[in-house]
C-alpha atoms as a PDB file:
ATOM      1  CA  MET A   1      31.625  21.636 -17.435  1.00  0.00           C
ATOM      2  CA  SER A   2      29.650  19.537 -14.956  1.00  0.00           C
ATOM      3  CA  ASN A   3      30.591  16.092 -13.791  1.00  0.00           C
ATOM      4  CA  LEU A   4      27.517  13.886 -14.421  1.00  0.00           C
ATOM      5  CA  SER A   5      29.031  10.770 -12.878  1.00  0.00           C
ATOM      6  CA  ALA A   6      29.433  12.332  -9.428  1.00  0.00           C
ATOM      7  CA  SER A   7      27.000  11.028  -6.832  1.00  0.00           C
ATOM      8  CA  THR A   8      26.101  12.095  -3.349  1.00  0.00           C
ATOM      9  CA  THR A   9      25.816   9.518  -0.601  1.00  0.00           C
ATOM     10  CA  VAL A  10      22.697   9.755   1.529  1.00  0.00           C
ATOM     11  CA  VAL A  11      23.342   8.835   5.137  1.00  0.00           C
ATOM     12  CA  LEU A  12      20.222   7.616   6.922  1.00  0.00           C
ATOM     13  CA  PRO A  13      20.324   6.631  10.597  1.00  0.00           C
ATOM     14  CA  VAL A  14      19.130   3.079  11.323  1.00  0.00           C
ATOM     15  CA  SER A  15      16.314   4.327  13.565  1.00  0.00           C
ATOM     16  CA  LYS A  16      14.929   6.525  10.807  1.00  0.00           C
ATOM     17  CA  ALA A  17      15.331   3.739   8.219  1.00  0.00           C
ATOM     18  CA  VAL A  18      13.386   1.326  10.441  1.00  0.00           C
ATOM     19  CA  LEU A  19      10.638   3.925  10.866  1.00  0.00           C
ATOM     20  CA  TRP A  20      10.366   4.368   7.082  1.00  0.00           C
ATOM     21  CA  LEU A  21      10.326   0.594   6.503  1.00  0.00           C
ATOM     22  CA  VAL A  22       7.655  -0.032   9.134  1.00  0.00           C
ATOM     23  CA  GLY A  23       5.535   2.842   7.820  1.00  0.00           C
ATOM     24  CA  THR A  24       5.835   1.637   4.237  1.00  0.00           C
ATOM     25  CA  ALA A  25       4.997  -1.950   5.200  1.00  0.00           C
ATOM     26  CA  PHE A  26       1.960  -0.752   7.180  1.00  0.00           C
ATOM     27  CA  LEU A  27       0.646   1.271   4.229  1.00  0.00           C
ATOM     28  CA  ALA A  28       1.288  -1.649   1.857  1.00  0.00           C
ATOM     29  CA  PHE A  29      -0.629  -4.081   4.087  1.00  0.00           C
ATOM     30  CA  LEU A  30      -3.429  -1.547   4.489  1.00  0.00           C
ATOM     31  CA  ALA A  31      -3.698  -1.142   0.707  1.00  0.00           C
ATOM     32  CA  TYR A  32      -3.599  -4.936   0.271  1.00  0.00           C
ATOM     33  CA  TYR A  33      -6.416  -5.356   2.782  1.00  0.00           C
ATOM     34  CA  PHE A  34      -8.683  -2.756   1.208  1.00  0.00           C
ATOM     35  CA  ILE A  35      -8.071  -3.899  -2.367  1.00  0.00           C
ATOM     36  CA  GLY A  36      -7.673  -7.633  -1.886  1.00  0.00           C
ATOM     37  CA  VAL A  37      -9.535  -8.688   1.243  1.00  0.00           C
ATOM     38  CA  ASP A  38     -12.295  -6.250   2.225  1.00  0.00           C
ATOM     39  CA  GLN A  39     -15.520  -7.479   0.662  1.00  0.00           C
ATOM     40  CA  GLY A  40     -18.208  -6.023   2.883  1.00  0.00           C
ATOM     41  CA  ALA A  41     -19.348  -9.320   4.429  1.00  0.00           C
ATOM     42  CA  TYR A  42     -16.266  -9.499   6.661  1.00  0.00           C
ATOM     43  CA  SER A  43     -15.230  -5.887   6.477  1.00  0.00           C
ATOM     44  CA  ILE A  44     -13.799  -3.956   9.403  1.00  0.00           C
ATOM     45  CA  PHE A  45     -16.620  -1.469   8.710  1.00  0.00           C
ATOM     46  CA  GLY A  46     -19.419  -4.006   9.100  1.00  0.00           C
ATOM     47  CA  LYS A  47     -21.618  -4.688   6.089  1.00  0.00           C
ATOM     48  CA  ASP A  48     -20.822  -1.331   4.481  1.00  0.00           C
ATOM     49  CA  MET A  49     -19.896  -1.848   0.806  1.00  0.00           C
ATOM     50  CA  HIS A  50     -18.511   1.647   0.095  1.00  0.00           C
ATOM     51  CA  VAL A  51     -14.852   0.595   0.282  1.00  0.00           C
ATOM     52  CA  HIS A  52     -15.494  -2.493  -1.824  1.00  0.00           C
ATOM     53  CA  GLU A  53     -17.296  -0.511  -4.515  1.00  0.00           C
ATOM     54  CA  PHE A  54     -14.597   2.184  -4.498  1.00  0.00           C
ATOM     55  CA  VAL A  55     -11.806  -0.332  -5.257  1.00  0.00           C
ATOM     56  CA  HIS A  56     -13.941  -2.764  -7.273  1.00  0.00           C
ATOM     57  CA  ASP A  57     -12.286  -2.182 -10.661  1.00  0.00           C
ATOM     58  CA  ALA A  58      -8.807  -2.281  -9.109  1.00  0.00           C
ATOM     59  CA  ARG A  59      -9.648  -5.683  -7.595  1.00  0.00           C
ATOM     60  CA  HIS A  60     -10.450  -7.135 -11.001  1.00  0.00           C
ATOM     61  CA  PHE A  61      -7.494  -5.431 -12.665  1.00  0.00           C
ATOM     62  CA  LEU A  62      -5.129  -6.974 -10.075  1.00  0.00           C
ATOM     63  CA  GLY A  63      -6.747 -10.399 -10.343  1.00  0.00           C
ATOM     64  CA  PHE A  64      -8.674 -10.555  -7.055  1.00  0.00           C
ATOM     65  CA  PRO A  65     -12.063 -12.238  -7.407  1.00  0.00           C
ATOM     66  CA  CYS A  66     -14.931 -10.590  -5.597  1.00  0.00           C
ATOM     67  CA  HIS A  67     -18.184 -12.046  -6.920  1.00  0.00           C
END
């Protein structure tokens, strides 16, 4: 018979936890920029609209206006 209430503690060093948090925050801000901010006119890629068109439906679904 197995004990379903038993849990295992995960020990994560602070340095590794900080690395995961910084990496996750960076990816979240990157996703926010591409979905919520990048509109082609002031894009980091110049006036290229490929990124904007790729995430266009996600922008509207999440409530970001774009036109």
